[in-house]
Amino acid sequence: MGMFTLRDFFQMKATLYNLKLKYEKSHQYLNEGLVNIFNNSDFILGEKVKALEDKLSKYSKSSYLSAVGNGTDALIFSLSYLKEKFPQKKKCNNYASFIFSFNFLNLS
C-alpha cells in the first residue's frame, strides 16, 4: 500500500447529506402539504402553526411556546419578554443586555 499524501486527502469526495435525494423521496408529500398551506393561507397564525406549537410544547415540556419566522424575531421576542419581566433601573449598553439575555436563555 502506498503513502497517503495531503493531495490525496483533498481530492477525496464525501457526500455528507444529499438534499436532492431526500427531496426526491418525499417531494409528493411536501408539495401537497405546501399547496394546502398556501391555499388556506395557513402559514401565519393558522391551524398548522398551532399544531406545530402544540407538538413542540409537549416535546420541550414547556407551558408556553411561540413559533416565529426567523432567529431575529426570536431574539426580539425574547428580549422584549425579558425587558418586561426584569425592568432595568439603570441604563446599560446593548452588549451587556444581550449577554444577560443569552445567558438567561441558556439556563432555561
Protein backbone atom coordinates (compact mmCIF):
# COMPACT_ATOMS: atom_id res chain seq x y z
CA MET A 1 0.00 0.00 0.00
CA GLY A 2 1.35 3.41 -0.99
CA MET A 3 1.76 6.57 1.01
CA PHE A 4 -1.32 8.65 1.68
CA THR A 5 -0.50 12.27 0.87
CA LEU A 6 -2.18 15.55 1.65
CA ARG A 7 -3.05 15.88 -2.04
CA ASP A 8 -4.94 12.56 -1.84
CA PHE A 9 -6.84 13.83 1.17
CA PHE A 10 -8.06 16.97 -0.61
CA GLN A 11 -9.06 15.03 -3.74
CA MET A 12 -11.34 12.67 -1.83
CA LYS A 13 -15.05 13.40 -2.19
CA ALA A 14 -17.54 12.62 0.54
CA THR A 15 -21.25 13.26 0.33
CA LEU A 16 -22.32 14.49 3.75
CA TYR A 17 -26.02 14.91 3.07
CA ASN A 18 -27.85 14.67 -0.22
CA LEU A 19 -30.77 17.12 -0.13
CA LYS A 20 -31.77 16.30 -3.71
CA LEU A 21 -32.17 12.61 -2.87
CA LYS A 22 -34.12 13.48 0.28
CA TYR A 23 -36.44 15.74 -1.75
CA GLU A 24 -36.96 13.10 -4.44
CA LYS A 25 -38.05 10.59 -1.81
CA SER A 26 -40.59 12.92 -0.17
CA HIS A 27 -41.45 15.56 -2.80
CA GLN A 28 -45.03 14.37 -3.29
CA TYR A 29 -45.82 14.69 0.43
CA LEU A 30 -44.02 18.04 0.73
CA ASN A 31 -45.65 19.55 -2.35
CA GLU A 32 -49.16 18.54 -1.27
CA GLY A 33 -48.60 19.97 2.20
CA LEU A 34 -47.22 23.27 0.90
CA VAL A 35 -50.05 23.69 -1.62
CA ASN A 36 -52.57 23.01 1.14
CA ILE A 37 -50.96 25.56 3.46
CA PHE A 38 -50.79 28.27 0.78
CA ASN A 39 -54.34 27.61 -0.46
CA ASN A 40 -55.70 28.04 3.06
CA SER A 41 -53.33 30.92 3.95
CA ASP A 42 -52.44 28.77 6.93
CA PHE A 43 -48.85 29.94 7.37
CA ILE A 44 -49.50 32.86 9.75
CA LEU A 45 -51.43 32.01 12.92
CA GLY A 46 -53.07 29.07 11.17
CA GLU A 47 -54.04 25.58 12.23
CA LYS A 48 -50.73 24.07 11.11
CA VAL A 49 -48.77 26.64 13.11
CA LYS A 50 -50.89 25.92 16.18
CA ALA A 51 -50.34 22.18 15.71
CA LEU A 52 -46.58 22.73 15.41
CA GLU A 53 -46.54 24.87 18.57
CA ASP A 54 -48.52 22.22 20.46
CA LYS A 55 -46.15 19.43 19.39
CA LEU A 56 -43.06 21.49 20.23
CA SER A 57 -44.55 22.47 23.58
CA LYS A 58 -45.15 18.83 24.50
CA TYR A 59 -41.71 17.80 23.24
CA SER A 60 -39.93 20.56 25.19
CA LYS A 61 -42.22 20.13 28.23
CA SER A 62 -42.84 23.87 28.35
CA SER A 63 -46.06 25.64 29.25
CA TYR A 64 -45.60 28.45 26.75
CA LEU A 65 -44.22 28.32 23.24
CA SER A 66 -44.48 30.65 20.27
CA ALA A 67 -43.26 29.83 16.77
CA VAL A 68 -41.62 32.74 14.95
CA GLY A 69 -40.40 33.25 11.41
CA ASN A 70 -36.64 33.51 12.00
CA GLY A 71 -33.89 33.88 14.57
CA THR A 72 -34.07 37.66 14.61
CA ASP A 73 -37.76 37.55 15.53
CA ALA A 74 -36.95 35.02 18.26
CA LEU A 75 -34.29 37.31 19.77
CA ILE A 76 -36.54 40.38 19.62
CA PHE A 77 -39.39 38.39 21.18
CA SER A 78 -37.14 37.06 23.95
CA LEU A 79 -35.58 40.44 24.69
CA SER A 80 -38.96 42.18 24.87
CA TYR A 81 -40.13 39.50 27.33
CA LEU A 82 -37.03 39.97 29.46
CA LYS A 83 -37.47 43.74 29.37
CA GLU A 84 -40.99 43.39 30.79
CA LYS A 85 -40.09 40.65 33.27
CA PHE A 86 -36.93 42.34 34.56
CA PRO A 87 -37.22 46.11 34.13
CA GLN A 88 -33.88 47.88 34.44
CA LYS A 89 -33.48 50.66 36.92
CA LYS A 90 -30.15 51.70 35.44
CA LYS A 91 -29.37 52.08 31.79
CA CYS A 92 -26.84 49.64 30.40
CA ASN A 93 -25.37 49.27 26.98
CA ASN A 94 -26.87 46.87 24.43
CA TYR A 95 -23.92 44.49 24.67
CA ALA A 96 -24.48 43.85 28.38
CA SER A 97 -28.20 43.39 27.79
CA PHE A 98 -27.50 40.86 25.03
CA ILE A 99 -25.08 38.88 27.21
CA PHE A 100 -27.60 38.80 30.07
CA SER A 101 -30.42 37.56 27.83
CA PHE A 102 -28.16 34.99 26.14
CA ASN A 103 -27.09 33.58 29.50
CA PHE A 104 -30.67 33.61 30.75
CA LEU A 105 -31.88 31.66 27.71
CA ASN A 106 -29.09 29.11 28.15
CA LEU A 107 -30.14 28.49 31.75
CA SER A 108 -33.78 27.81 30.97
